[in-house]
PDB file of N, CA and C in Angstrom:
ATOM      1  N   UNK A   1      17.429  66.761  -7.911  1.00  0.00           N
ATOM      2  CA  UNK A   1      16.873  68.145  -8.283  1.00  0.00           C
ATOM      3  C   UNK A   1      15.257  67.721  -7.607  1.00  0.00           C
ATOM      4  N   UNK A   2      14.912  68.548  -6.973  1.00  0.00           N
ATOM      5  CA  UNK A   2      13.552  68.390  -6.450  1.00  0.00           C
ATOM      6  C   UNK A   2      12.481  69.101  -7.221  1.00  0.00           C
ATOM      7  N   UNK A   3      12.709  70.092  -7.944  1.00  0.00           N
ATOM      8  CA  UNK A   3      11.642  70.967  -8.498  1.00  0.00           C
ATOM      9  C   UNK A   3      11.585  71.177  -9.886  1.00  0.00           C
ATOM     10  N   UNK A   4      12.497  70.216 -10.774  1.00  0.00           N
ATOM     11  CA  UNK A   4      12.524  70.103 -12.073  1.00  0.00           C
ATOM     12  C   UNK A   4      13.000  68.765 -12.370  1.00  0.00           C
ATOM     13  N   UNK A   5      13.032  68.562 -13.871  1.00  0.00           N
ATOM     14  CA  UNK A   5      13.422  67.227 -14.286  1.00  0.00           C
ATOM     15  C   UNK A   5      14.912  67.039 -14.494  1.00  0.00           C
ATOM     16  N   UNK A   6      15.094  66.202 -13.905  1.00  0.00           N
ATOM     17  CA  UNK A   6      16.674  65.833 -14.334  1.00  0.00           C
ATOM     18  C   UNK A   6      16.911  64.437 -14.693  1.00  0.00           C
ATOM     19  N   UNK A   7      18.038  63.770 -14.536  1.00  0.00           N
ATOM     20  CA  UNK A   7      18.195  62.601 -15.214  1.00  0.00           C
ATOM     21  C   UNK A   7      18.318  62.593 -17.134  1.00  0.00           C
ATOM     22  N   UNK A   8      18.102  61.369 -17.485  1.00  0.00           N
ATOM     23  CA  UNK A   8      18.164  61.109 -18.946  1.00  0.00           C
ATOM     24  C   UNK A   8      17.014  62.059 -19.576  1.00  0.00           C
ATOM     25  N   UNK A   9      15.836  61.970 -18.934  1.00  0.00           N
ATOM     26  CA  UNK A   9      14.584  62.657 -19.710  1.00  0.00           C
ATOM     27  C   UNK A   9      14.805  64.257 -19.406  1.00  0.00           C
ATOM     28  N   UNK A  10      15.406  64.663 -18.431  1.00  0.00           N
ATOM     29  CA  UNK A  10      15.725  66.026 -18.453  1.00  0.00           C
ATOM     30  C   UNK A  10      16.735  66.795 -19.427  1.00  0.00           C
ATOM     31  N   UNK A  11      17.768  65.826 -19.510  1.00  0.00           N
ATOM     32  CA  UNK A  11      18.871  66.212 -20.466  1.00  0.00           C
ATOM     33  C   UNK A  11      18.465  66.111 -21.895  1.00  0.00           C
ATOM     34  N   UNK A  12      17.624  65.187 -22.311  1.00  0.00           N
ATOM     35  CA  UNK A  12      16.918  64.849 -23.766  1.00  0.00           C
ATOM     36  C   UNK A  12      15.884  66.233 -23.766  1.00  0.00           C
ATOM     37  N   UNK A  13      15.225  66.524 -22.957  1.00  0.00           N
ATOM     38  CA  UNK A  13      14.463  67.724 -23.008  1.00  0.00           C
ATOM     39  C   UNK A  13      15.153  68.944 -23.288  1.00  0.00           C
ATOM     40  N   UNK A  14      16.167  69.249 -22.343  1.00  0.00           N
ATOM     41  CA  UNK A  14      17.091  70.422 -22.754  1.00  0.00           C
ATOM     42  C   UNK A  14      17.617  70.452 -23.981  1.00  0.00           C
ATOM     43  N   UNK A  15      18.294  69.216 -24.561  1.00  0.00           N
ATOM     44  CA  UNK A  15      18.598  68.997 -25.803  1.00  0.00           C
ATOM     45  C   UNK A  15      17.821  69.457 -26.961  1.00  0.00           C
ATOM     46  N   UNK A  16      16.651  69.080 -26.972  1.00  0.00           N
ATOM     47  CA  UNK A  16      15.575  69.087 -27.545  1.00  0.00           C
ATOM     48  C   UNK A  16      15.308  70.777 -27.706  1.00  0.00           C
ATOM     49  N   UNK A  17      15.394  71.370 -26.740  1.00  0.00           N
ATOM     50  CA  UNK A  17      14.659  72.948 -26.684  1.00  0.00           C
ATOM     51  C   UNK A  17      15.819  73.606 -27.082  1.00  0.00           C
ATOM     52  N   UNK A  18      17.151  73.191 -26.953  1.00  0.00           N
ATOM     53  CA  UNK A  18      18.359  73.946 -27.475  1.00  0.00           C
ATOM     54  C   UNK A  18      18.288  73.565 -29.199  1.00  0.00           C
ATOM     55  N   UNK A  19      18.067  72.422 -29.613  1.00  0.00           N
ATOM     56  CA  UNK A  19      18.204  72.012 -31.066  1.00  0.00           C
ATOM     57  C   UNK A  19      17.077  72.863 -31.798  1.00  0.00           C
ATOM     58  N   UNK A  20      15.832  72.907 -31.206  1.00  0.00           N
ATOM     59  CA  UNK A  20      14.787  73.579 -31.804  1.00  0.00           C
ATOM     60  C   UNK A  20      14.869  75.169 -31.750  1.00  0.00           C
ATOM     61  N   UNK A  21      15.891  75.452 -30.951  1.00  0.00           N
ATOM     62  CA  UNK A  21      16.231  77.192 -30.765  1.00  0.00           C
ATOM     63  C   UNK A  21      15.193  77.620 -29.868  1.00  0.00           C
ATOM     64  N   UNK A  22      14.380  76.883 -28.907  1.00  0.00           N
ATOM     65  CA  UNK A  22      13.446  77.583 -28.282  1.00  0.00           C
ATOM     66  C   UNK A  22      14.026  78.138 -27.161  1.00  0.00           C
ATOM     67  N   UNK A  23      15.327  77.642 -26.765  1.00  0.00           N
ATOM     68  CA  UNK A  23      16.253  78.364 -25.835  1.00  0.00           C
ATOM     69  C   UNK A  23      17.348  78.130 -26.286  1.00  0.00           C
ATOM     70  N   UNK A  24      18.337  79.233 -25.795  1.00  0.00           N
ATOM     71  CA  UNK A  24      19.585  79.242 -26.298  1.00  0.00           C
ATOM     72  C   UNK A  24      20.579  79.532 -24.947  1.00  0.00           C
ATOM     73  N   UNK A  25      21.827  79.150 -25.282  1.00  0.00           N
ATOM     74  CA  UNK A  25      22.566  79.559 -24.207  1.00  0.00           C
ATOM     75  C   UNK A  25      23.879  80.322 -24.418  1.00  0.00           C
ATOM     76  N   UNK A  26      23.616  81.694 -24.368  1.00  0.00           N
ATOM     77  CA  UNK A  26      24.696  82.607 -24.856  1.00  0.00           C
ATOM     78  C   UNK A  26      25.731  82.964 -23.734  1.00  0.00           C
ATOM     79  N   UNK A  27      25.339  82.542 -22.580  1.00  0.00           N
ATOM     80  CA  UNK A  27      26.323  82.697 -21.368  1.00  0.00           C
ATOM     81  C   UNK A  27      26.230  81.385 -20.577  1.00  0.00           C
ATOM     82  N   UNK A  28      27.403  81.213 -20.032  1.00  0.00           N
ATOM     83  CA  UNK A  28      27.610  79.828 -19.217  1.00  0.00           C
ATOM     84  C   UNK A  28      26.524  79.612 -18.388  1.00  0.00           C
ATOM     85  N   UNK A  29      26.039  80.631 -17.568  1.00  0.00           N
ATOM     86  CA  UNK A  29      25.107  80.211 -16.375  1.00  0.00           C
ATOM     87  C   UNK A  29      23.793  80.754 -16.522  1.00  0.00           C
ATOM     88  N   UNK A  30      23.328  80.689 -17.597  1.00  0.00           N
ATOM     89  CA  UNK A  30      21.779  81.100 -17.833  1.00  0.00           C
ATOM     90  C   UNK A  30      21.276  80.591 -19.106  1.00  0.00           C
ATOM     91  N   UNK A  31      20.054  80.099 -19.365  1.00  0.00           N
ATOM     92  CA  UNK A  31      19.526  80.077 -20.710  1.00  0.00           C
ATOM     93  C   UNK A  31      18.716  81.174 -21.227  1.00  0.00           C
ATOM     94  N   UNK A  32      18.507  81.694 -22.418  1.00  0.00           N
ATOM     95  CA  UNK A  32      17.747  82.631 -22.884  1.00  0.00           C
ATOM     96  C   UNK A  32      16.724  81.834 -23.609  1.00  0.00           C
ATOM     97  N   UNK A  33      15.436  82.495 -23.412  1.00  0.00           N
ATOM     98  CA  UNK A  33      14.095  81.786 -24.169  1.00  0.00           C
ATOM     99  C   UNK A  33      13.976  82.841 -25.273  1.00  0.00           C
ATOM    100  N   UNK A  34      13.995  82.086 -26.516  1.00  0.00           N
ATOM    101  CA  UNK A  34      13.810  83.091 -27.677  1.00  0.00           C
ATOM    102  C   UNK A  34      12.578  83.453 -27.847  1.00  0.00           C
ATOM    103  N   UNK A  35      12.212  84.623 -28.912  1.00  0.00           N
ATOM    104  CA  UNK A  35      10.729  84.872 -29.095  1.00  0.00           C
ATOM    105  C   UNK A  35       9.958  83.626 -29.431  1.00  0.00           C
ATOM    106  N   UNK A  36      10.562  82.959 -30.534  1.00  0.00           N
ATOM    107  CA  UNK A  36       9.904  81.748 -30.745  1.00  0.00           C
ATOM    108  C   UNK A  36       9.740  80.670 -29.549  1.00  0.00           C
ATOM    109  N   UNK A  37      10.556  80.674 -28.783  1.00  0.00           N
ATOM    110  CA  UNK A  37      10.169  79.862 -27.572  1.00  0.00           C
ATOM    111  C   UNK A  37       9.329  80.334 -26.495  1.00  0.00           C
ATOM    112  N   UNK A  38       9.226  81.575 -26.443  1.00  0.00           N
ATOM    113  CA  UNK A  38       8.131  82.299 -25.600  1.00  0.00           C
ATOM    114  C   UNK A  38       6.705  81.788 -26.323  1.00  0.00           C
ATOM    115  N   UNK A  39       6.604  82.150 -27.595  1.00  0.00           N
ATOM    116  CA  UNK A  39       5.268  81.575 -28.290  1.00  0.00           C
ATOM    117  C   UNK A  39       5.004  80.108 -28.148  1.00  0.00           C
ATOM    118  N   UNK A  40       6.265  79.274 -28.390  1.00  0.00           N
ATOM    119  CA  UNK A  40       6.248  77.765 -28.077  1.00  0.00           C
ATOM    120  C   UNK A  40       5.703  77.427 -26.950  1.00  0.00           C
ATOM    121  N   UNK A  41       6.135  78.032 -25.639  1.00  0.00           N
ATOM    122  CA  UNK A  41       5.946  77.790 -24.562  1.00  0.00           C
ATOM    123  C   UNK A  41       4.404  77.943 -24.046  1.00  0.00           C
ATOM    124  N   UNK A  42       4.160  79.241 -24.561  1.00  0.00           N
ATOM    125  CA  UNK A  42       2.578  79.429 -24.502  1.00  0.00           C
ATOM    126  C   UNK A  42       1.706  78.519 -25.125  1.00  0.00           C
ATOM    127  N   UNK A  43       1.983  78.079 -26.180  1.00  0.00           N
ATOM    128  CA  UNK A  43       1.030  77.011 -26.808  1.00  0.00           C
ATOM    129  C   UNK A  43       1.004  75.851 -26.103  1.00  0.00           C
ATOM    130  N   UNK A  44       1.997  75.369 -25.204  1.00  0.00           N
ATOM    131  CA  UNK A  44       1.823  74.228 -24.430  1.00  0.00           C
ATOM    132  C   UNK A  44       1.437  74.315 -23.175  1.00  0.00           C
ATOM    133  N   UNK A  45       1.222  75.641 -22.773  1.00  0.00           N
ATOM    134  CA  UNK A  45       0.449  76.067 -21.549  1.00  0.00           C
ATOM    135  C   UNK A  45       1.691  76.582 -20.394  1.00  0.00           C
ATOM    136  N   UNK A  46       2.602  76.973 -20.933  1.00  0.00           N
ATOM    137  CA  UNK A  46       3.579  77.656 -19.890  1.00  0.00           C
ATOM    138  C   UNK A  46       3.858  79.182 -20.433  1.00  0.00           C
ATOM    139  N   UNK A  47       3.403  80.027 -19.350  1.00  0.00           N
ATOM    140  CA  UNK A  47       3.476  81.672 -19.818  1.00  0.00           C
ATOM    141  C   UNK A  47       4.704  82.149 -19.413  1.00  0.00           C
ATOM    142  N   UNK A  48       5.813  82.417 -20.211  1.00  0.00           N
ATOM    143  CA  UNK A  48       7.033  82.778 -19.612  1.00  0.00           C
ATOM    144  C   UNK A  48       6.870  84.322 -19.312  1.00  0.00           C
ATOM    145  N   UNK A  49       5.960  85.189 -19.724  1.00  0.00           N
ATOM    146  CA  UNK A  49       5.947  86.334 -18.978  1.00  0.00           C
ATOM    147  C   UNK A  49       5.499  86.548 -17.458  1.00  0.00           C
ATOM    148  N   UNK A  50       4.741  85.412 -17.076  1.00  0.00           N
ATOM    149  CA  UNK A  50       4.491  85.286 -15.722  1.00  0.00           C
ATOM    150  C   UNK A  50       5.801  84.757 -15.113  1.00  0.00           C
ATOM    151  N   UNK A  51       6.507  83.811 -15.436  1.00  0.00           N
ATOM    152  CA  UNK A  51       7.635  83.273 -15.008  1.00  0.00           C
ATOM    153  C   UNK A  51       8.740  84.395 -14.704  1.00  0.00           C
ATOM    154  N   UNK A  52       8.683  85.242 -15.758  1.00  0.00           N
ATOM    155  CA  UNK A  52       9.730  86.360 -15.546  1.00  0.00           C
ATOM    156  C   UNK A  52       9.280  87.324 -14.388  1.00  0.00           C
ATOM    157  N   UNK A  53       8.309  87.369 -14.139  1.00  0.00           N
ATOM    158  CA  UNK A  53       7.780  88.310 -12.981  1.00  0.00           C
ATOM    159  C   UNK A  53       8.005  87.715 -11.682  1.00  0.00           C
ATOM    160  N   UNK A  54       8.566  86.554 -11.332  1.00  0.00           N
ATOM    161  CA  UNK A  54       8.774  85.876 -10.365  1.00  0.00           C
ATOM    162  C   UNK A  54      10.046  86.350  -9.811  1.00  0.00           C
ATOM    163  N   UNK A  55      10.389  86.275  -8.482  1.00  0.00           N
ATOM    164  CA  UNK A  55      11.511  86.451  -7.849  1.00  0.00           C
ATOM    165  C   UNK A  55      12.601  85.400  -8.000  1.00  0.00           C
ATOM    166  N   UNK A  56      12.669  84.485  -8.796  1.00  0.00           N
ATOM    167  CA  UNK A  56      13.546  83.456  -9.226  1.00  0.00           C
ATOM    168  C   UNK A  56      14.167  83.467 -10.387  1.00  0.00           C
ATOM    169  N   UNK A  57      15.388  83.053 -10.666  1.00  0.00           N
ATOM    170  CA  UNK A  57      16.004  82.864 -11.794  1.00  0.00           C
ATOM    171  C   UNK A  57      15.190  82.203 -12.777  1.00  0.00           C
ATOM    172  N   UNK A  58      15.246  82.749 -13.906  1.00  0.00           N
ATOM    173  CA  UNK A  58      14.190  82.212 -15.049  1.00  0.00           C
ATOM    174  C   UNK A  58      14.608  80.605 -15.550  1.00  0.00           C
ATOM    175  N   UNK A  59      15.968  80.669 -15.962  1.00  0.00           N
ATOM    176  CA  UNK A  59      16.435  79.464 -16.718  1.00  0.00           C
ATOM    177  C   UNK A  59      17.942  79.306 -16.672  1.00  0.00           C
ATOM    178  N   UNK A  60      18.318  78.347 -15.907  1.00  0.00           N
ATOM    179  CA  UNK A  60      19.710  78.176 -16.106  1.00  0.00           C
ATOM    180  C   UNK A  60      20.119  76.434 -16.015  1.00  0.00           C
ATOM    181  N   UNK A  61      21.487  76.243 -16.438  1.00  0.00           N
ATOM    182  CA  UNK A  61      21.834  74.870 -16.505  1.00  0.00           C
ATOM    183  C   UNK A  61      21.963  74.335 -15.283  1.00  0.00           C
ATOM    184  N   UNK A  62      21.672  73.124 -14.864  1.00  0.00           N
ATOM    185  CA  UNK A  62      21.863  72.386 -13.940  1.00  0.00           C
ATOM    186  C   UNK A  62      22.574  71.144 -14.261  1.00  0.00           C
ATOM    187  N   UNK A  63      23.692  70.764 -13.830  1.00  0.00           N
ATOM    188  CA  UNK A  63      24.630  69.764 -14.111  1.00  0.00           C
ATOM    189  C   UNK A  63      23.999  68.431 -13.491  1.00  0.00           C
ATOM    190  N   UNK A  64      23.517  67.403 -14.201  1.00  0.00           N
ATOM    191  CA  UNK A  64      23.101  66.099 -13.814  1.00  0.00           C
ATOM    192  C   UNK A  64      24.200  65.289 -13.405  1.00  0.00           C
ATOM    193  N   UNK A  65      23.839  64.790 -12.199  1.00  0.00           N
ATOM    194  CA  UNK A  65      25.196  64.017 -11.650  1.00  0.00           C
ATOM    195  C   UNK A  65      25.243  62.509 -12.369  1.00  0.00           C
ATOM    196  N   UNK A  66      24.076  62.140 -12.753  1.00  0.00           N
ATOM    197  CA  UNK A  66      24.208  60.756 -13.444  1.00  0.00           C
ATOM    198  C   UNK A  66      24.609  60.823 -14.855  1.00  0.00           C
ATOM    199  N   UNK A  67      23.810  62.096 -15.689  1.00  0.00           N
ATOM    200  CA  UNK A  67      24.157  61.848 -17.100  1.00  0.00           C
ATOM    201  C   UNK A  67      25.407  62.697 -17.415  1.00  0.00           C
ATOM    202  N   UNK A  68      26.052  63.566 -16.464  1.00  0.00           N
ATOM    203  CA  UNK A  68      27.299  64.548 -16.650  1.00  0.00           C
ATOM    204  C   UNK A  68      26.900  65.531 -17.965  1.00  0.00           C
ATOM    205  N   UNK A  69      25.643  65.878 -17.867  1.00  0.00           N
ATOM    206  CA  UNK A  69      25.357  66.845 -18.901  1.00  0.00           C
ATOM    207  C   UNK A  69      24.204  67.840 -18.180  1.00  0.00           C
ATOM    208  N   UNK A  70      23.867  69.103 -18.770  1.00  0.00           N
ATOM    209  CA  UNK A  70      23.038  69.728 -18.132  1.00  0.00           C
ATOM    210  C   UNK A  70      21.552  69.843 -18.585  1.00  0.00           C
ATOM    211  N   UNK A  71      20.751  70.041 -17.587  1.00  0.00           N
ATOM    212  CA  UNK A  71      19.333  70.152 -17.770  1.00  0.00           C
ATOM    213  C   UNK A  71      18.736  71.579 -17.277  1.00  0.00           C
ATOM    214  N   UNK A  72      17.505  71.791 -17.698  1.00  0.00           N
ATOM    215  CA  UNK A  72      16.883  73.218 -17.331  1.00  0.00           C
ATOM    216  C   UNK A  72      16.387  73.091 -15.768  1.00  0.00           C
ATOM    217  N   UNK A  73      17.024  74.258 -15.064  1.00  0.00           N
ATOM    218  CA  UNK A  73      16.480  74.462 -13.791  1.00  0.00           C
ATOM    219  C   UNK A  73      16.029  75.866 -13.793  1.00  0.00           C
ATOM    220  N   UNK A  74      15.615  76.315 -12.566  1.00  0.00           N
ATOM    221  CA  UNK A  74      14.823  77.715 -12.382  1.00  0.00           C
ATOM    222  C   UNK A  74      13.278  77.593 -12.513  1.00  0.00           C
ATOM    223  N   UNK A  75      12.957  78.752 -12.595  1.00  0.00           N
ATOM    224  CA  UNK A  75      11.348  78.800 -12.965  1.00  0.00           C
ATOM    225  C   UNK A  75      11.026  78.063 -14.077  1.00  0.00           C
ATOM    226  N   UNK A  76      11.640  78.122 -15.322  1.00  0.00           N
ATOM    227  CA  UNK A  76      11.402  77.485 -16.394  1.00  0.00           C
ATOM    228  C   UNK A  76      11.164  75.849 -16.217  1.00  0.00           C
ATOM    229  N   UNK A  77      12.443  75.369 -15.303  1.00  0.00           N
ATOM    230  CA  UNK A  77      12.430  73.896 -15.054  1.00  0.00           C
ATOM    231  C   UNK A  77      11.242  73.642 -14.335  1.00  0.00           C
ATOM    232  N   UNK A  78      11.007  74.277 -13.098  1.00  0.00           N
ATOM    233  CA  UNK A  78       9.900  73.963 -12.247  1.00  0.00           C
ATOM    234  C   UNK A  78       8.727  73.972 -13.105  1.00  0.00           C
ATOM    235  N   UNK A  79       8.154  74.898 -13.949  1.00  0.00           N
ATOM    236  CA  UNK A  79       7.236  75.059 -14.917  1.00  0.00           C
ATOM    237  C   UNK A  79       7.003  73.814 -15.859  1.00  0.00           C
ATOM    238  N   UNK A  80       8.026  73.355 -16.239  1.00  0.00           N
ATOM    239  CA  UNK A  80       7.900  71.954 -17.278  1.00  0.00           C
ATOM    240  C   UNK A  80       7.463  71.059 -16.107  1.00  0.00           C
ATOM    241  N   UNK A  81       8.335  70.703 -15.417  1.00  0.00           N
ATOM    242  CA  UNK A  81       7.759  69.879 -14.254  1.00  0.00           C
ATOM    243  C   UNK A  81       6.294  69.710 -13.764  1.00  0.00           C
ATOM    244  N   UNK A  82       5.851  70.889 -13.541  1.00  0.00           N
ATOM    245  CA  UNK A  82       4.581  71.099 -13.099  1.00  0.00           C
ATOM    246  C   UNK A  82       3.646  70.635 -14.212  1.00  0.00           C
ATOM    247  N   UNK A  83       3.823  71.291 -15.456  1.00  0.00           N
ATOM    248  CA  UNK A  83       2.961  71.083 -16.674  1.00  0.00           C
ATOM    249  C   UNK A  83       3.023  69.512 -17.010  1.00  0.00           C
ATOM    250  N   UNK A  84       4.055  68.838 -16.899  1.00  0.00           N
ATOM    251  CA  UNK A  84       4.312  67.359 -17.081  1.00  0.00           C
ATOM    252  C   UNK A  84       3.219  66.543 -16.034  1.00  0.00           C
ATOM    253  N   UNK A  85       3.494  67.125 -14.952  1.00  0.00           N
ATOM    254  CA  UNK A  85       2.556  66.325 -13.836  1.00  0.00           C
ATOM    255  C   UNK A  85       1.040  66.549 -13.998  1.00  0.00           C
ATOM    256  N   UNK A  86       0.839  67.769 -14.225  1.00  0.00           N
ATOM    257  CA  UNK A  86      -0.701  68.150 -14.258  1.00  0.00           C
ATOM    258  C   UNK A  86      -1.488  67.431 -15.588  1.00  0.00           C
ATOM    259  N   UNK A  87      -0.542  67.331 -16.578  1.00  0.00           N
ATOM    260  CA  UNK A  87      -1.082  66.431 -17.760  1.00  0.00           C
ATOM    261  C   UNK A  87      -0.875  65.102 -17.658  1.00  0.00           C
ATOM    262  N   UNK A  88      -0.397  64.552 -16.463  1.00  0.00           N
ATOM    263  CA  UNK A  88      -0.145  63.274 -16.191  1.00  0.00           C
ATOM    264  C   UNK A  88       0.791  62.331 -17.237  1.00  0.00           C
ATOM    265  N   UNK A  89       1.732  63.243 -17.781  1.00  0.00           N
ATOM    266  CA  UNK A  89       2.594  62.656 -18.692  1.00  0.00           C
ATOM    267  C   UNK A  89       3.706  61.967 -17.907  1.00  0.00           C
ATOM    268  N   UNK A  90       3.979  62.539 -16.546  1.00  0.00           N
ATOM    269  CA  UNK A  90       4.940  61.828 -15.797  1.00  0.00           C
ATOM    270  C   UNK A  90       4.346  61.415 -14.348  1.00  0.00           C
ATOM    271  N   UNK A  91       4.919  60.548 -13.671  1.00  0.00           N
ATOM    272  CA  UNK A  91       4.307  60.743 -12.128  1.00  0.00           C
ATOM    273  C   UNK A  91       5.364  60.138 -11.229  1.00  0.00           C
ATOM    274  N   UNK A  92       5.268  60.645 -10.133  1.00  0.00           N
ATOM    275  CA  UNK A  92       6.473  60.522  -9.178  1.00  0.00           C
ATOM    276  C   UNK A  92       6.358  59.046  -8.496  1.00  0.00           C
ATOM    277  N   UNK A  93       7.577  58.453  -8.230  1.00  0.00           N
ATOM    278  CA  UNK A  93       7.659  57.062  -7.737  1.00  0.00           C
ATOM    279  C   UNK A  93       7.479  57.332  -6.100  1.00  0.00           C
ATOM    280  N   UNK A  94       6.729  56.273  -5.497  1.00  0.00           N
ATOM    281  CA  UNK A  94       6.521  56.378  -4.210  1.00  0.00           C
ATOM    282  C   UNK A  94       7.835  56.517  -3.261  1.00  0.00           C
ATOM    283  N   UNK A  95       8.095  57.597  -2.237  1.00  0.00           N
ATOM    284  CA  UNK A  95       9.104  57.422  -1.567  1.00  0.00           C
ATOM    285  C   UNK A  95      10.340  57.754  -2.189  1.00  0.00           C
ATOM    286  N   UNK A  96      10.393  58.446  -3.287  1.00  0.00           N
ATOM    287  CA  UNK A  96      11.535  58.618  -4.086  1.00  0.00           C
ATOM    288  C   UNK A  96      11.407  60.049  -4.960  1.00  0.00           C
ATOM    289  N   UNK A  97      12.465  60.564  -5.220  1.00  0.00           N
ATOM    290  CA  UNK A  97      12.442  61.666  -6.056  1.00  0.00           C
ATOM    291  C   UNK A  97      12.253  61.304  -7.587  1.00  0.00           C
ATOM    292  N   UNK A  98      12.300  60.041  -7.921  1.00  0.00           N
ATOM    293  CA  UNK A  98      12.423  59.488  -9.397  1.00  0.00           C
ATOM    294  C   UNK A  98      11.047  59.676 -10.102  1.00  0.00           C
ATOM    295  N   UNK A  99      11.109  59.899 -11.169  1.00  0.00           N
ATOM    296  CA  UNK A  99       9.928  60.127 -11.973  1.00  0.00           C
ATOM    297  C   UNK A  99       9.888  59.073 -13.168  1.00  0.00           C
ATOM    298  N   UNK A 100       8.754  58.841 -13.490  1.00  0.00           N
ATOM    299  CA  UNK A 100       8.510  57.745 -14.537  1.00  0.00           C
ATOM    300  C   UNK A 100       7.566  58.396 -15.569  1.00  0.00           C
ATOM    301  N   UNK A 101       7.670  58.192 -16.829  1.00  0.00           N
ATOM    302  CA  UNK A 101       6.648  58.476 -17.772  1.00  0.00           C
ATOM    303  C   UNK A 101       5.582  57.642 -17.930  1.00  0.00           C
ATOM    304  N   UNK A 102       4.257  58.112 -18.142  1.00  0.00           N
ATOM    305  CA  UNK A 102       3.291  57.470 -18.601  1.00  0.00           C
ATOM    306  C   UNK A 102       3.068  56.970 -19.910  1.00  0.00           C
ATOM    307  N   UNK A 103       2.237  56.311 -20.403  1.00  0.00           N
ATOM    308  CA  UNK A 103       2.147  55.813 -21.794  1.00  0.00           C
ATOM    309  C   UNK A 103       1.812  57.216 -22.574  1.00  0.00           C
ATOM    310  N   UNK A 104       0.859  57.920 -22.292  1.00  0.00           N
ATOM    311  CA  UNK A 104       0.233  59.284 -22.906  1.00  0.00           C
ATOM    312  C   UNK A 104       1.426  60.089 -22.926  1.00  0.00           C
ATOM    313  N   UNK A 105       2.382  60.117 -21.711  1.00  0.00           N
ATOM    314  CA  UNK A 105       3.442  61.032 -21.492  1.00  0.00           C
ATOM    315  C   UNK A 105       4.692  60.717 -22.722  1.00  0.00           C
ATOM    316  N   UNK A 106       4.787  59.333 -22.749  1.00  0.00           N
ATOM    317  CA  UNK A 106       5.829  59.043 -23.824  1.00  0.00           C
ATOM    318  C   UNK A 106       5.535  59.645 -25.166  1.00  0.00           C
ATOM    319  N   UNK A 107       4.149  59.628 -25.547  1.00  0.00           N
ATOM    320  CA  UNK A 107       3.611  60.103 -27.003  1.00  0.00           C
ATOM    321  C   UNK A 107       4.045  61.575 -27.013  1.00  0.00           C
ATOM    322  N   UNK A 108       3.291  62.394 -25.920  1.00  0.00           N
ATOM    323  CA  UNK A 108       3.202  63.605 -26.011  1.00  0.00           C
ATOM    324  C   UNK A 108       4.688  64.317 -25.651  1.00  0.00           C
ATOM    325  N   UNK A 109       5.447  63.829 -24.996  1.00  0.00           N
ATOM    326  CA  UNK A 109       6.701  64.243 -24.557  1.00  0.00           C
ATOM    327  C   UNK A 109       7.544  64.196 -26.141  1.00  0.00           C
ATOM    328  N   UNK A 110       7.363  62.847 -26.442  1.00  0.00           N
ATOM    329  CA  UNK A 110       8.169  62.611 -28.007  1.00  0.00           C
ATOM    330  C   UNK A 110       7.722  63.556 -29.044  1.00  0.00           C
ATOM    331  N   UNK A 111       6.339  64.047 -28.986  1.00  0.00           N
ATOM    332  CA  UNK A 111       5.935  64.737 -30.075  1.00  0.00           C
ATOM    333  C   UNK A 111       6.360  66.315 -29.933  1.00  0.00           C
ATOM    334  N   UNK A 112       6.157  66.629 -28.686  1.00  0.00           N
ATOM    335  CA  UNK A 112       6.368  68.271 -28.372  1.00  0.00           C
ATOM    336  C   UNK A 112       7.970  68.353 -28.400  1.00  0.00           C
ATOM    337  N   UNK A 113       8.652  67.688 -27.639  1.00  0.00           N
ATOM    338  CA  UNK A 113      10.033  67.738 -27.475  1.00  0.00           C
ATOM    339  C   UNK A 113      10.986  67.031 -28.203  1.00  0.00           C
ATOM    340  N   UNK A 114      10.338  66.218 -29.055  1.00  0.00           N
ATOM    341  CA  UNK A 114      11.106  65.155 -30.164  1.00  0.00           C
ATOM    342  C   UNK A 114      12.312  64.385 -29.516  1.00  0.00           C
ATOM    343  N   UNK A 115      11.685  63.673 -28.288  1.00  0.00           N
ATOM    344  CA  UNK A 115      12.571  62.970 -27.771  1.00  0.00           C
ATOM    345  C   UNK A 115      11.887  61.730 -27.459  1.00  0.00           C
ATOM    346  N   UNK A 116      12.617  60.498 -27.072  1.00  0.00           N
ATOM    347  CA  UNK A 116      12.000  59.229 -26.559  1.00  0.00           C
ATOM    348  C   UNK A 116      12.488  59.126 -25.287  1.00  0.00           C
ATOM    349  N   UNK A 117      11.636  58.952 -24.223  1.00  0.00           N
ATOM    350  CA  UNK A 117      11.983  58.891 -22.845  1.00  0.00           C
ATOM    351  C   UNK A 117      12.577  57.642 -22.522  1.00  0.00           C
TER     352      UNK A 117
END
């Protein structure tokens, strides 16, 4: 996956968003962002209204090939990746699609998404 967080971290984030009812999955091929979720994302710096105005699917499940579970793709998945990179919570490995969490990222991701990376 090139523009969203996959792997173990992506799956854990998605499971946390579902557990916290920030997103729901009412149909097999899409995630719905709850009103609570829209407010929550706004507080962390992701404006859902702006994402909805794009010509891109908002949020849908992407099957992770290594974990065999879904993670969030679409405009929301890309916005989460952009947020994490801009906050320096993760960084890209040289010459790879792999991402690693930073020390600060471990703390912030754990606090917001209730996950350990």
